[in-house]
Amino acid sequence: MGDMRDAESVAAASRLSLLQFVVFAVVGATGTLIHYAILLSLVELLGRSAMVGTIAGSIAGAVWNFFLNHRLTFKSQQQFHQTAPRFFLIAAVSLALNAGLMYLLVERFRVNYLIAQLAVTVFILCVNYISNALWTFNRSAK
């Protein structure tokens, strides 16, 4: 039984790579730019509320990230309907995790909000990469 777990650990580790992580981070950065562009456009040009702008931008950024990660980062051969629910579930959990960690760091531990957000962003980036590499875009994950 130990040999099986060792083999599974080696297989999982082989699906993770530094280059793939960097591509994942760059894709995420472009999604963030799209989010902010839509937010600013809706608020500044069209007079919509910041809430409407950030929701629209967040959705657009997440969709952009999904397609680029599917094709570019992970070069997935799976159908979109197989990977999209997992990807967006991870995105939703990440949003909740971001809010919870920010509350904890800023409100409870009085960490400066910019430092807290930077730390939380790095943490969530790593969690998202590992989750998407090992579950969302892993052909053998059930």
C-alpha atoms as a PDB file:
ATOM      1  CA  MET A   1       0.000   0.000   0.000  1.00  0.00           C
ATOM      2  CA  GLY A   2       2.904   2.353   0.754  1.00  0.00           C
ATOM      3  CA  ASP A   3       4.322   1.815  -2.740  1.00  0.00           C
ATOM      4  CA  MET A   4       0.981   2.829  -4.300  1.00  0.00           C
ATOM      5  CA  ARG A   5       0.891   6.083  -2.314  1.00  0.00           C
ATOM      6  CA  ASP A   6       4.515   6.794  -3.231  1.00  0.00           C
ATOM      7  CA  ALA A   7       3.709   6.252  -6.908  1.00  0.00           C
ATOM      8  CA  GLU A   8       0.677   8.533  -6.628  1.00  0.00           C
ATOM      9  CA  SER A   9       2.814  11.232  -4.968  1.00  0.00           C
ATOM     10  CA  VAL A  10       5.428  11.029  -7.726  1.00  0.00           C
ATOM     11  CA  ALA A  11       2.715  11.199 -10.401  1.00  0.00           C
ATOM     12  CA  ALA A  12       1.115  14.211  -8.724  1.00  0.00           C
ATOM     13  CA  ALA A  13       4.442  16.006  -8.391  1.00  0.00           C
ATOM     14  CA  SER A  14       5.196  15.396 -12.074  1.00  0.00           C
ATOM     15  CA  ARG A  15       2.031  17.309 -12.988  1.00  0.00           C
ATOM     16  CA  LEU A  16       3.394  20.396 -11.211  1.00  0.00           C
ATOM     17  CA  SER A  17       6.148  22.464 -12.765  1.00  0.00           C
ATOM     18  CA  LEU A  18       7.719  25.859 -12.202  1.00  0.00           C
ATOM     19  CA  LEU A  19       7.215  26.904 -15.840  1.00  0.00           C
ATOM     20  CA  GLN A  20       3.565  25.908 -15.711  1.00  0.00           C
ATOM     21  CA  PHE A  21       3.172  27.836 -12.440  1.00  0.00           C
ATOM     22  CA  VAL A  22       4.675  30.953 -14.061  1.00  0.00           C
ATOM     23  CA  VAL A  23       2.309  30.640 -17.038  1.00  0.00           C
ATOM     24  CA  PHE A  24      -0.595  30.188 -14.594  1.00  0.00           C
ATOM     25  CA  ALA A  25       0.463  33.369 -12.741  1.00  0.00           C
ATOM     26  CA  VAL A  26       0.786  35.366 -15.980  1.00  0.00           C
ATOM     27  CA  VAL A  27      -2.631  34.159 -17.143  1.00  0.00           C
ATOM     28  CA  GLY A  28      -4.033  35.221 -13.760  1.00  0.00           C
ATOM     29  CA  ALA A  29      -2.430  38.652 -14.125  1.00  0.00           C
ATOM     30  CA  THR A  30      -4.073  39.144 -17.525  1.00  0.00           C
ATOM     31  CA  GLY A  31      -7.406  38.114 -16.014  1.00  0.00           C
ATOM     32  CA  THR A  32      -6.884  40.705 -13.290  1.00  0.00           C
ATOM     33  CA  LEU A  33      -6.188  43.375 -15.925  1.00  0.00           C
ATOM     34  CA  ILE A  34      -9.445  42.472 -17.666  1.00  0.00           C
ATOM     35  CA  HIS A  35     -11.280  42.642 -14.334  1.00  0.00           C
ATOM     36  CA  TYR A  36      -9.929  46.120 -13.613  1.00  0.00           C
ATOM     37  CA  ALA A  37     -10.491  47.366 -17.173  1.00  0.00           C
ATOM     38  CA  ILE A  38     -14.158  46.378 -16.997  1.00  0.00           C
ATOM     39  CA  LEU A  39     -14.507  47.761 -13.474  1.00  0.00           C
ATOM     40  CA  LEU A  40     -13.040  51.128 -14.478  1.00  0.00           C
ATOM     41  CA  SER A  41     -14.984  51.278 -17.748  1.00  0.00           C
ATOM     42  CA  LEU A  42     -18.318  50.549 -16.119  1.00  0.00           C
ATOM     43  CA  VAL A  43     -17.771  52.942 -13.213  1.00  0.00           C
ATOM     44  CA  GLU A  44     -15.915  55.806 -14.906  1.00  0.00           C
ATOM     45  CA  LEU A  45     -17.369  55.722 -18.424  1.00  0.00           C
ATOM     46  CA  LEU A  46     -20.842  54.312 -17.942  1.00  0.00           C
ATOM     47  CA  GLY A  47     -21.620  55.543 -14.424  1.00  0.00           C
ATOM     48  CA  ARG A  48     -22.429  52.110 -13.011  1.00  0.00           C
ATOM     49  CA  SER A  49     -21.825  51.235  -9.373  1.00  0.00           C
ATOM     50  CA  ALA A  50     -18.506  49.820  -8.236  1.00  0.00           C
ATOM     51  CA  MET A  51     -20.316  46.645  -7.153  1.00  0.00           C
ATOM     52  CA  VAL A  52     -21.717  46.080 -10.663  1.00  0.00           C
ATOM     53  CA  GLY A  53     -18.312  46.851 -12.137  1.00  0.00           C
ATOM     54  CA  THR A  54     -16.388  44.491  -9.909  1.00  0.00           C
ATOM     55  CA  ILE A  55     -18.867  41.634 -10.352  1.00  0.00           C
ATOM     56  CA  ALA A  56     -18.831  42.006 -14.146  1.00  0.00           C
ATOM     57  CA  GLY A  57     -15.049  42.337 -14.179  1.00  0.00           C
ATOM     58  CA  SER A  58     -14.569  39.372 -11.893  1.00  0.00           C
ATOM     59  CA  ILE A  59     -16.760  37.133 -14.039  1.00  0.00           C
ATOM     60  CA  ALA A  60     -15.037  38.237 -17.248  1.00  0.00           C
ATOM     61  CA  GLY A  61     -11.599  37.740 -15.702  1.00  0.00           C
ATOM     62  CA  ALA A  62     -12.511  34.267 -14.431  1.00  0.00           C
ATOM     63  CA  VAL A  63     -13.881  33.192 -17.827  1.00  0.00           C
ATOM     64  CA  TRP A  64     -10.752  34.537 -19.542  1.00  0.00           C
ATOM     65  CA  ASN A  65      -8.549  32.675 -17.030  1.00  0.00           C
ATOM     66  CA  PHE A  66     -10.480  29.457 -17.552  1.00  0.00           C
ATOM     67  CA  PHE A  67     -10.053  29.443 -21.324  1.00  0.00           C
ATOM     68  CA  LEU A  68      -6.364  30.413 -21.239  1.00  0.00           C
ATOM     69  CA  ASN A  69      -5.569  27.921 -18.497  1.00  0.00           C
ATOM     70  CA  HIS A  70      -7.475  25.192 -20.312  1.00  0.00           C
ATOM     71  CA  ARG A  71      -5.647  25.714 -23.608  1.00  0.00           C
ATOM     72  CA  LEU A  72      -2.332  27.328 -22.721  1.00  0.00           C
ATOM     73  CA  THR A  73      -1.300  26.573 -19.155  1.00  0.00           C
ATOM     74  CA  PHE A  74      -2.513  22.982 -18.864  1.00  0.00           C
ATOM     75  CA  LYS A  75      -3.014  22.138 -22.572  1.00  0.00           C
ATOM     76  CA  SER A  76      -6.073  20.143 -21.539  1.00  0.00           C
ATOM     77  CA  GLN A  77      -7.600  17.633 -23.944  1.00  0.00           C
ATOM     78  CA  GLN A  78     -10.733  17.412 -21.786  1.00  0.00           C
ATOM     79  CA  GLN A  79     -14.010  18.986 -22.833  1.00  0.00           C
ATOM     80  CA  PHE A  80     -14.926  22.347 -21.323  1.00  0.00           C
ATOM     81  CA  HIS A  81     -17.969  20.835 -19.600  1.00  0.00           C
ATOM     82  CA  GLN A  82     -15.635  18.473 -17.734  1.00  0.00           C
ATOM     83  CA  THR A  83     -13.252  21.129 -16.420  1.00  0.00           C
ATOM     84  CA  ALA A  84     -15.355  24.301 -16.101  1.00  0.00           C
ATOM     85  CA  PRO A  85     -17.380  23.252 -13.019  1.00  0.00           C
ATOM     86  CA  ARG A  86     -14.195  22.351 -11.159  1.00  0.00           C
ATOM     87  CA  PHE A  87     -12.405  25.532 -12.215  1.00  0.00           C
ATOM     88  CA  PHE A  88     -15.263  27.801 -11.156  1.00  0.00           C
ATOM     89  CA  LEU A  89     -15.766  25.900  -7.890  1.00  0.00           C
ATOM     90  CA  ILE A  90     -12.109  26.541  -7.055  1.00  0.00           C
ATOM     91  CA  ALA A  91     -12.573  30.202  -8.027  1.00  0.00           C
ATOM     92  CA  ALA A  92     -15.592  30.520  -5.716  1.00  0.00           C
ATOM     93  CA  VAL A  93     -13.807  28.837  -2.817  1.00  0.00           C
ATOM     94  CA  SER A  94     -10.822  31.119  -3.436  1.00  0.00           C
ATOM     95  CA  LEU A  95     -13.028  34.190  -3.263  1.00  0.00           C
ATOM     96  CA  ALA A  96     -14.399  33.048   0.102  1.00  0.00           C
ATOM     97  CA  LEU A  97     -10.909  32.149   1.307  1.00  0.00           C
ATOM     98  CA  ASN A  98      -9.631  35.574   0.222  1.00  0.00           C
ATOM     99  CA  ALA A  99     -12.392  37.339   2.150  1.00  0.00           C
ATOM    100  CA  GLY A 100     -11.908  35.176   5.240  1.00  0.00           C
ATOM    101  CA  LEU A 101      -8.140  35.553   5.337  1.00  0.00           C
ATOM    102  CA  MET A 102      -8.361  39.298   4.732  1.00  0.00           C
ATOM    103  CA  TYR A 103     -10.834  39.636   7.588  1.00  0.00           C
ATOM    104  CA  LEU A 104      -8.602  37.600   9.865  1.00  0.00           C
ATOM    105  CA  LEU A 105      -5.387  39.441   8.995  1.00  0.00           C
ATOM    106  CA  VAL A 106      -6.771  42.981   8.815  1.00  0.00           C
ATOM    107  CA  GLU A 107      -9.511  42.986  11.421  1.00  0.00           C
ATOM    108  CA  ARG A 108      -8.181  40.493  13.954  1.00  0.00           C
ATOM    109  CA  PHE A 109      -4.405  40.828  13.630  1.00  0.00           C
ATOM    110  CA  ARG A 110      -4.334  44.465  12.435  1.00  0.00           C
ATOM    111  CA  VAL A 111      -2.027  43.765   9.478  1.00  0.00           C
ATOM    112  CA  ASN A 112      -1.900  46.583   6.927  1.00  0.00           C
ATOM    113  CA  TYR A 113      -4.497  45.738   4.267  1.00  0.00           C
ATOM    114  CA  LEU A 114      -2.029  46.005   1.362  1.00  0.00           C
ATOM    115  CA  ILE A 115       0.493  43.690   3.013  1.00  0.00           C
ATOM    116  CA  ALA A 116      -2.328  41.335   3.966  1.00  0.00           C
ATOM    117  CA  GLN A 117      -3.705  41.297   0.423  1.00  0.00           C
ATOM    118  CA  LEU A 118      -0.268  40.640  -1.043  1.00  0.00           C
ATOM    119  CA  ALA A 119       0.290  37.689   1.306  1.00  0.00           C
ATOM    120  CA  VAL A 120      -3.212  36.314   0.708  1.00  0.00           C
ATOM    121  CA  THR A 121      -2.830  36.700  -3.071  1.00  0.00           C
ATOM    122  CA  VAL A 122       0.423  34.723  -3.103  1.00  0.00           C
ATOM    123  CA  PHE A 123      -1.106  32.020  -0.914  1.00  0.00           C
ATOM    124  CA  ILE A 124      -4.252  31.737  -3.041  1.00  0.00           C
ATOM    125  CA  LEU A 125      -2.236  31.752  -6.269  1.00  0.00           C
ATOM    126  CA  CYS A 126      -0.328  28.702  -5.009  1.00  0.00           C
ATOM    127  CA  VAL A 127      -3.464  26.939  -3.765  1.00  0.00           C
ATOM    128  CA  ASN A 128      -5.267  27.633  -7.061  1.00  0.00           C
ATOM    129  CA  TYR A 129      -2.380  26.385  -9.161  1.00  0.00           C
ATOM    130  CA  ILE A 130      -2.056  23.148  -7.198  1.00  0.00           C
ATOM    131  CA  SER A 131      -5.846  22.610  -7.131  1.00  0.00           C
ATOM    132  CA  ASN A 132      -6.246  23.214 -10.847  1.00  0.00           C
ATOM    133  CA  ALA A 133      -3.188  21.157 -11.817  1.00  0.00           C
ATOM    134  CA  LEU A 134      -4.097  18.177  -9.663  1.00  0.00           C
ATOM    135  CA  TRP A 135      -7.894  18.252  -9.934  1.00  0.00           C
ATOM    136  CA  THR A 136      -9.444  20.547 -12.556  1.00  0.00           C
ATOM    137  CA  PHE A 137      -7.161  19.729 -15.480  1.00  0.00           C
ATOM    138  CA  ASN A 138      -5.940  16.324 -14.311  1.00  0.00           C
ATOM    139  CA  ARG A 139      -7.391  13.801 -16.692  1.00  0.00           C
ATOM    140  CA  SER A 140      -7.205  10.998 -14.104  1.00  0.00           C
ATOM    141  CA  ALA A 141      -8.982  12.949 -11.292  1.00  0.00           C
ATOM    142  CA  LYS A 142     -12.467  11.679 -10.548  1.00  0.00           C
END
